Amino acid sequence: HMGRKLYETAHSAYKDKTKVKFITFP
């Protein structure tokens, strides 16, 4: 959940949303 939270913070802040990716491994 910490990785997800960091992604959400970055995704919200980045002007170009395509530059932020989050990959989870099952």
PDB file of all heavy atoms in Angstrom:
ATOM      1  N   HIS A   1       0.829  -1.210   0.000  1.00  0.00           N
ATOM      2  CA  HIS A   1       0.000   0.000   0.000  1.00  0.00           C
ATOM      3  C   HIS A   1       0.869   1.268   0.000  1.00  0.00           C
ATOM      4  O   HIS A   1       0.426   2.318  -0.457  1.00  0.00           O
ATOM      5  CB  HIS A   1      -0.998  -0.002   1.173  1.00  0.00           C
ATOM      6  CG  HIS A   1      -0.408   0.362   2.497  1.00  0.00           C
ATOM      7  ND1 HIS A   1       0.099  -0.569   3.365  1.00  0.00           N
ATOM      8  CD2 HIS A   1      -0.248   1.568   3.104  1.00  0.00           C
ATOM      9  CE1 HIS A   1       0.548   0.040   4.457  1.00  0.00           C
ATOM     10  NE2 HIS A   1       0.354   1.334   4.322  1.00  0.00           N
ATOM     11  N   MET A   2       2.103   1.168   0.479  1.00  0.00           N
ATOM     12  CA  MET A   2       2.992   2.338   0.470  1.00  0.00           C
ATOM     13  C   MET A   2       3.413   2.678  -0.961  1.00  0.00           C
ATOM     14  O   MET A   2       3.489   3.848  -1.324  1.00  0.00           O
ATOM     15  CB  MET A   2       4.203   2.102   1.359  1.00  0.00           C
ATOM     16  CG  MET A   2       3.812   1.919   2.805  1.00  0.00           C
ATOM     17  SD  MET A   2       5.215   2.035   3.885  1.00  0.00           S
ATOM     18  CE  MET A   2       4.930   3.683   4.446  1.00  0.00           C
ATOM     19  N   GLY A   3       3.697   1.666  -1.758  1.00  0.00           N
ATOM     20  CA  GLY A   3       4.020   1.897  -3.166  1.00  0.00           C
ATOM     21  C   GLY A   3       2.840   2.502  -3.909  1.00  0.00           C
ATOM     22  O   GLY A   3       2.999   3.427  -4.712  1.00  0.00           O
ATOM     23  N   ARG A   4       1.635   1.986  -3.620  1.00  0.00           N
ATOM     24  CA  ARG A   4       0.426   2.526  -4.246  1.00  0.00           C
ATOM     25  C   ARG A   4       0.212   3.989  -3.851  1.00  0.00           C
ATOM     26  O   ARG A   4      -0.116   4.822  -4.685  1.00  0.00           O
ATOM     27  CB  ARG A   4      -0.790   1.700  -3.823  1.00  0.00           C
ATOM     28  CG  ARG A   4      -1.267   0.784  -4.894  1.00  0.00           C
ATOM     29  CD  ARG A   4      -2.541   0.044  -4.523  1.00  0.00           C
ATOM     30  NE  ARG A   4      -2.265  -1.377  -4.689  1.00  0.00           N
ATOM     31  CZ  ARG A   4      -1.933  -2.214  -3.730  1.00  0.00           C
ATOM     32  NH1 ARG A   4      -1.863  -1.824  -2.489  1.00  0.00           N
ATOM     33  NH2 ARG A   4      -1.677  -3.473  -3.986  1.00  0.00           N
ATOM     34  N   LYS A   5       0.401   4.270  -2.581  1.00  0.00           N
ATOM     35  CA  LYS A   5       0.211   5.641  -2.093  1.00  0.00           C
ATOM     36  C   LYS A   5       1.221   6.592  -2.743  1.00  0.00           C
ATOM     37  O   LYS A   5       0.877   7.710  -3.132  1.00  0.00           O
ATOM     38  CB  LYS A   5       0.344   5.676  -0.570  1.00  0.00           C
ATOM     39  CG  LYS A   5       0.025   7.017   0.046  1.00  0.00           C
ATOM     40  CD  LYS A   5       0.061   6.929   1.568  1.00  0.00           C
ATOM     41  CE  LYS A   5      -0.204   8.269   2.209  1.00  0.00           C
ATOM     42  NZ  LYS A   5      -0.125   8.200   3.677  1.00  0.00           N
ATOM     43  N   LEU A   6       2.461   6.152  -2.880  1.00  0.00           N
ATOM     44  CA  LEU A   6       3.478   6.972  -3.528  1.00  0.00           C
ATOM     45  C   LEU A   6       3.115   7.210  -4.990  1.00  0.00           C
ATOM     46  O   LEU A   6       3.248   8.330  -5.501  1.00  0.00           O
ATOM     47  CB  LEU A   6       4.851   6.314  -3.414  1.00  0.00           C
ATOM     48  CG  LEU A   6       6.034   7.147  -3.884  1.00  0.00           C
ATOM     49  CD1 LEU A   6       6.166   8.436  -3.079  1.00  0.00           C
ATOM     50  CD2 LEU A   6       7.318   6.334  -3.794  1.00  0.00           C
ATOM     51  N   TYR A   7       2.641   6.173  -5.669  1.00  0.00           N
ATOM     52  CA  TYR A   7       2.193   6.322  -7.056  1.00  0.00           C
ATOM     53  C   TYR A   7       1.061   7.351  -7.148  1.00  0.00           C
ATOM     54  O   TYR A   7       1.080   8.229  -8.017  1.00  0.00           O
ATOM     55  CB  TYR A   7       1.729   4.984  -7.624  1.00  0.00           C
ATOM     56  CG  TYR A   7       0.943   5.149  -8.898  1.00  0.00           C
ATOM     57  CD1 TYR A   7       1.580   5.452 -10.096  1.00  0.00           C
ATOM     58  CD2 TYR A   7      -0.445   5.043  -8.897  1.00  0.00           C
ATOM     59  CE1 TYR A   7       0.858   5.637 -11.266  1.00  0.00           C
ATOM     60  CE2 TYR A   7      -1.172   5.225 -10.052  1.00  0.00           C
ATOM     61  CZ  TYR A   7      -0.523   5.519 -11.235  1.00  0.00           C
ATOM     62  OH  TYR A   7      -1.248   5.719 -12.385  1.00  0.00           O
ATOM     63  N   GLU A   8       0.076   7.243  -6.288  1.00  0.00           N
ATOM     64  CA  GLU A   8      -1.062   8.166  -6.323  1.00  0.00           C
ATOM     65  C   GLU A   8      -0.608   9.609  -6.092  1.00  0.00           C
ATOM     66  O   GLU A   8      -1.094  10.530  -6.743  1.00  0.00           O
ATOM     67  CB  GLU A   8      -2.117   7.744  -5.299  1.00  0.00           C
ATOM     68  CG  GLU A   8      -2.823   6.470  -5.692  1.00  0.00           C
ATOM     69  CD  GLU A   8      -3.608   5.818  -4.565  1.00  0.00           C
ATOM     70  OE1 GLU A   8      -3.703   6.409  -3.460  1.00  0.00           O
ATOM     71  OE2 GLU A   8      -4.123   4.705  -4.782  1.00  0.00           O
ATOM     72  N   THR A   9       0.341   9.794  -5.178  1.00  0.00           N
ATOM     73  CA  THR A   9       0.882  11.129  -4.927  1.00  0.00           C
ATOM     74  C   THR A   9       1.566  11.672  -6.176  1.00  0.00           C
ATOM     75  O   THR A   9       1.334  12.810  -6.576  1.00  0.00           O
ATOM     76  CB  THR A   9       1.885  11.096  -3.746  1.00  0.00           C
ATOM     77  OG1 THR A   9       1.201  10.645  -2.583  1.00  0.00           O
ATOM     78  CG2 THR A   9       2.496  12.457  -3.493  1.00  0.00           C
ATOM     79  N   ALA A  10       2.403  10.851  -6.788  1.00  0.00           N
ATOM     80  CA  ALA A  10       3.124  11.275  -7.996  1.00  0.00           C
ATOM     81  C   ALA A  10       2.152  11.530  -9.140  1.00  0.00           C
ATOM     82  O   ALA A  10       2.246  12.554  -9.830  1.00  0.00           O
ATOM     83  CB  ALA A  10       4.147  10.219  -8.396  1.00  0.00           C
ATOM     84  N   HIS A  11       1.231  10.611  -9.344  1.00  0.00           N
ATOM     85  CA  HIS A  11       0.283  10.735 -10.456  1.00  0.00           C
ATOM     86  C   HIS A  11      -0.549  12.005 -10.322  1.00  0.00           C
ATOM     87  O   HIS A  11      -0.817  12.686 -11.311  1.00  0.00           O
ATOM     88  CB  HIS A  11      -0.611   9.493 -10.523  1.00  0.00           C
ATOM     89  CG  HIS A  11      -1.411   9.400 -11.768  1.00  0.00           C
ATOM     90  ND1 HIS A  11      -2.711   9.815 -11.845  1.00  0.00           N
ATOM     91  CD2 HIS A  11      -1.072   8.961 -13.009  1.00  0.00           C
ATOM     92  CE1 HIS A  11      -3.157   9.627 -13.063  1.00  0.00           C
ATOM     93  NE2 HIS A  11      -2.175   9.106 -13.803  1.00  0.00           N
ATOM     94  N   SER A  12      -0.925  12.342  -9.106  1.00  0.00           N
ATOM     95  CA  SER A  12      -1.696  13.574  -8.879  1.00  0.00           C
ATOM     96  C   SER A  12      -0.876  14.818  -9.180  1.00  0.00           C
ATOM     97  O   SER A  12      -1.403  15.819  -9.660  1.00  0.00           O
ATOM     98  CB  SER A  12      -2.185  13.643  -7.433  1.00  0.00           C
ATOM     99  OG  SER A  12      -3.112  12.629  -7.184  1.00  0.00           O
ATOM    100  N   ALA A  13       0.419  14.766  -8.889  1.00  0.00           N
ATOM    101  CA  ALA A  13       1.269  15.951  -9.014  1.00  0.00           C
ATOM    102  C   ALA A  13       1.846  16.150 -10.420  1.00  0.00           C
ATOM    103  O   ALA A  13       2.072  17.289 -10.836  1.00  0.00           O
ATOM    104  CB  ALA A  13       2.417  15.864  -8.010  1.00  0.00           C
ATOM    105  N   TYR A  14       2.099  15.068 -11.130  1.00  0.00           N
ATOM    106  CA  TYR A  14       2.731  15.167 -12.449  1.00  0.00           C
ATOM    107  C   TYR A  14       1.799  15.849 -13.448  1.00  0.00           C
ATOM    108  O   TYR A  14       0.619  15.523 -13.533  1.00  0.00           O
ATOM    109  CB  TYR A  14       3.085  13.782 -12.985  1.00  0.00           C
ATOM    110  CG  TYR A  14       4.509  13.339 -12.731  1.00  0.00           C
ATOM    111  CD1 TYR A  14       4.982  13.146 -11.442  1.00  0.00           C
ATOM    112  CD2 TYR A  14       5.371  13.084 -13.782  1.00  0.00           C
ATOM    113  CE1 TYR A  14       6.276  12.710 -11.203  1.00  0.00           C
ATOM    114  CE2 TYR A  14       6.674  12.658 -13.560  1.00  0.00           C
ATOM    115  CZ  TYR A  14       7.115  12.477 -12.271  1.00  0.00           C
ATOM    116  OH  TYR A  14       8.400  12.046 -12.049  1.00  0.00           O
ATOM    117  N   LYS A  15       2.348  16.786 -14.195  1.00  0.00           N
ATOM    118  CA  LYS A  15       1.577  17.425 -15.263  1.00  0.00           C
ATOM    119  C   LYS A  15       1.315  16.423 -16.379  1.00  0.00           C
ATOM    120  O   LYS A  15       0.219  16.342 -16.902  1.00  0.00           O
ATOM    121  CB  LYS A  15       2.324  18.649 -15.799  1.00  0.00           C
ATOM    122  CG  LYS A  15       2.351  19.785 -14.812  1.00  0.00           C
ATOM    123  CD  LYS A  15       3.114  20.981 -15.342  1.00  0.00           C
ATOM    124  CE  LYS A  15       3.147  22.029 -14.241  1.00  0.00           C
ATOM    125  NZ  LYS A  15       4.262  22.915 -14.328  1.00  0.00           N
ATOM    126  N   ASP A  16       2.363  15.666 -16.759  1.00  0.00           N
ATOM    127  CA  ASP A  16       2.235  14.651 -17.794  1.00  0.00           C
ATOM    128  C   ASP A  16       2.035  13.302 -17.109  1.00  0.00           C
ATOM    129  O   ASP A  16       2.994  12.631 -16.727  1.00  0.00           O
ATOM    130  CB  ASP A  16       3.482  14.639 -18.680  1.00  0.00           C
ATOM    131  CG  ASP A  16       3.388  13.659 -19.840  1.00  0.00           C
ATOM    132  OD1 ASP A  16       2.417  12.850 -19.874  1.00  0.00           O
ATOM    133  OD2 ASP A  16       4.282  13.679 -20.699  1.00  0.00           O
ATOM    134  N   LYS A  17       0.791  12.907 -16.972  1.00  0.00           N
ATOM    135  CA  LYS A  17       0.433  11.681 -16.246  1.00  0.00           C
ATOM    136  C   LYS A  17       1.012  10.421 -16.901  1.00  0.00           C
ATOM    137  O   LYS A  17       1.180   9.409 -16.242  1.00  0.00           O
ATOM    138  CB  LYS A  17      -1.086  11.521 -16.146  1.00  0.00           C
ATOM    139  CG  LYS A  17      -1.818  12.739 -15.625  1.00  0.00           C
ATOM    140  CD  LYS A  17      -1.641  12.916 -14.154  1.00  0.00           C
ATOM    141  CE  LYS A  17      -2.529  14.040 -13.644  1.00  0.00           C
ATOM    142  NZ  LYS A  17      -1.973  14.741 -12.532  1.00  0.00           N
ATOM    143  N   THR A  18       1.320  10.495 -18.193  1.00  0.00           N
ATOM    144  CA  THR A  18       1.861   9.316 -18.885  1.00  0.00           C
ATOM    145  C   THR A  18       3.281   8.987 -18.435  1.00  0.00           C
ATOM    146  O   THR A  18       3.781   7.909 -18.720  1.00  0.00           O
ATOM    147  CB  THR A  18       1.851   9.511 -20.411  1.00  0.00           C
ATOM    148  OG1 THR A  18       2.752  10.572 -20.763  1.00  0.00           O
ATOM    149  CG2 THR A  18       0.451   9.825 -20.919  1.00  0.00           C
ATOM    150  N   LYS A  19       3.921   9.896 -17.729  1.00  0.00           N
ATOM    151  CA  LYS A  19       5.295   9.671 -17.268  1.00  0.00           C
ATOM    152  C   LYS A  19       5.361   8.896 -15.957  1.00  0.00           C
ATOM    153  O   LYS A  19       6.450   8.571 -15.489  1.00  0.00           O
ATOM    154  CB  LYS A  19       6.028  11.002 -17.096  1.00  0.00           C
ATOM    155  CG  LYS A  19       6.392  11.665 -18.403  1.00  0.00           C
ATOM    156  CD  LYS A  19       7.251  12.881 -18.139  1.00  0.00           C
ATOM    157  CE  LYS A  19       7.802  13.458 -19.409  1.00  0.00           C
ATOM    158  NZ  LYS A  19       8.722  14.562 -19.128  1.00  0.00           N
ATOM    159  N   VAL A  20       4.218   8.618 -15.364  1.00  0.00           N
ATOM    160  CA  VAL A  20       4.190   7.911 -14.080  1.00  0.00           C
ATOM    161  C   VAL A  20       3.524   6.552 -14.269  1.00  0.00           C
ATOM    162  O   VAL A  20       2.387   6.481 -14.725  1.00  0.00           O
ATOM    163  CB  VAL A  20       3.418   8.711 -13.010  1.00  0.00           C
ATOM    164  CG1 VAL A  20       3.473   8.010 -11.664  1.00  0.00           C
ATOM    165  CG2 VAL A  20       3.939  10.115 -12.903  1.00  0.00           C
ATOM    166  N   LYS A  21       4.244   5.495 -13.932  1.00  0.00           N
ATOM    167  CA  LYS A  21       3.724   4.130 -14.076  1.00  0.00           C
ATOM    168  C   LYS A  21       3.883   3.375 -12.761  1.00  0.00           C
ATOM    169  O   LYS A  21       4.838   3.589 -12.022  1.00  0.00           O
ATOM    170  CB  LYS A  21       4.482   3.360 -15.162  1.00  0.00           C
ATOM    171  CG  LYS A  21       4.489   4.015 -16.525  1.00  0.00           C
ATOM    172  CD  LYS A  21       3.207   3.800 -17.253  1.00  0.00           C
ATOM    173  CE  LYS A  21       3.325   4.344 -18.674  1.00  0.00           C
ATOM    174  NZ  LYS A  21       2.149   4.923 -19.171  1.00  0.00           N
ATOM    175  N   PHE A  22       2.946   2.477 -12.527  1.00  0.00           N
ATOM    176  CA  PHE A  22       2.983   1.630 -11.339  1.00  0.00           C
ATOM    177  C   PHE A  22       2.746   0.194 -11.782  1.00  0.00           C
ATOM    178  O   PHE A  22       1.738  -0.091 -12.435  1.00  0.00           O
ATOM    179  CB  PHE A  22       1.920   2.079 -10.344  1.00  0.00           C
ATOM    180  CG  PHE A  22       1.878   1.298  -9.060  1.00  0.00           C
ATOM    181  CD1 PHE A  22       3.008   1.130  -8.293  1.00  0.00           C
ATOM    182  CD2 PHE A  22       0.695   0.754  -8.594  1.00  0.00           C
ATOM    183  CE1 PHE A  22       2.980   0.433  -7.090  1.00  0.00           C
ATOM    184  CE2 PHE A  22       0.644   0.056  -7.396  1.00  0.00           C
ATOM    185  CZ  PHE A  22       1.787  -0.106  -6.643  1.00  0.00           C
ATOM    186  N   ILE A  23       3.658  -0.678 -11.462  1.00  0.00           N
ATOM    187  CA  ILE A  23       3.532  -2.089 -11.819  1.00  0.00           C
ATOM    188  C   ILE A  23       3.588  -2.909 -10.538  1.00  0.00           C
ATOM    189  O   ILE A  23       4.527  -2.773  -9.748  1.00  0.00           O
ATOM    190  CB  ILE A  23       4.651  -2.536 -12.780  1.00  0.00           C
ATOM    191  CG1 ILE A  23       4.579  -1.739 -14.086  1.00  0.00           C
ATOM    192  CG2 ILE A  23       4.555  -4.037 -13.052  1.00  0.00           C
ATOM    193  CD1 ILE A  23       5.735  -1.988 -15.037  1.00  0.00           C
ATOM    194  N   THR A  24       2.573  -3.746 -10.364  1.00  0.00           N
ATOM    195  CA  THR A  24       2.584  -4.663  -9.231  1.00  0.00           C
ATOM    196  C   THR A  24       2.838  -6.075  -9.740  1.00  0.00           C
ATOM    197  O   THR A  24       2.505  -6.407 -10.877  1.00  0.00           O
ATOM    198  CB  THR A  24       1.254  -4.631  -8.452  1.00  0.00           C
ATOM    199  OG1 THR A  24       0.194  -4.975  -9.337  1.00  0.00           O
ATOM    200  CG2 THR A  24       1.004  -3.268  -7.848  1.00  0.00           C
ATOM    201  N   PHE A  25       3.431  -6.864  -8.892  1.00  0.00           N
ATOM    202  CA  PHE A  25       3.725  -8.249  -9.216  1.00  0.00           C
ATOM    203  C   PHE A  25       2.902  -9.125  -8.293  1.00  0.00           C
ATOM    204  O   PHE A  25       2.960  -8.966  -7.073  1.00  0.00           O
ATOM    205  CB  PHE A  25       5.226  -8.522  -9.050  1.00  0.00           C
ATOM    206  CG  PHE A  25       6.067  -7.705  -9.979  1.00  0.00           C
ATOM    207  CD1 PHE A  25       6.487  -6.430  -9.613  1.00  0.00           C
ATOM    208  CD2 PHE A  25       6.403  -8.174 -11.237  1.00  0.00           C
ATOM    209  CE1 PHE A  25       7.246  -5.652 -10.476  1.00  0.00           C
ATOM    210  CE2 PHE A  25       7.151  -7.406 -12.117  1.00  0.00           C
ATOM    211  CZ  PHE A  25       7.573  -6.147 -11.732  1.00  0.00           C
ATOM    212  N   PRO A  26       2.116 -10.045  -8.864  1.00  0.00           N
ATOM    213  CA  PRO A  26       1.218 -10.853  -8.045  1.00  0.00           C
ATOM    214  C   PRO A  26       1.963 -11.739  -7.045  1.00  0.00           C
ATOM    215  O   PRO A  26       3.097 -12.155  -7.276  1.00  0.00           O
ATOM    216  CB  PRO A  26       0.447 -11.702  -9.053  1.00  0.00           C
ATOM    217  CG  PRO A  26       1.098 -11.521 -10.366  1.00  0.00           C
ATOM    218  CD  PRO A  26       2.031 -10.364 -10.279  1.00  0.00           C
TER     219      PRO A  26
END
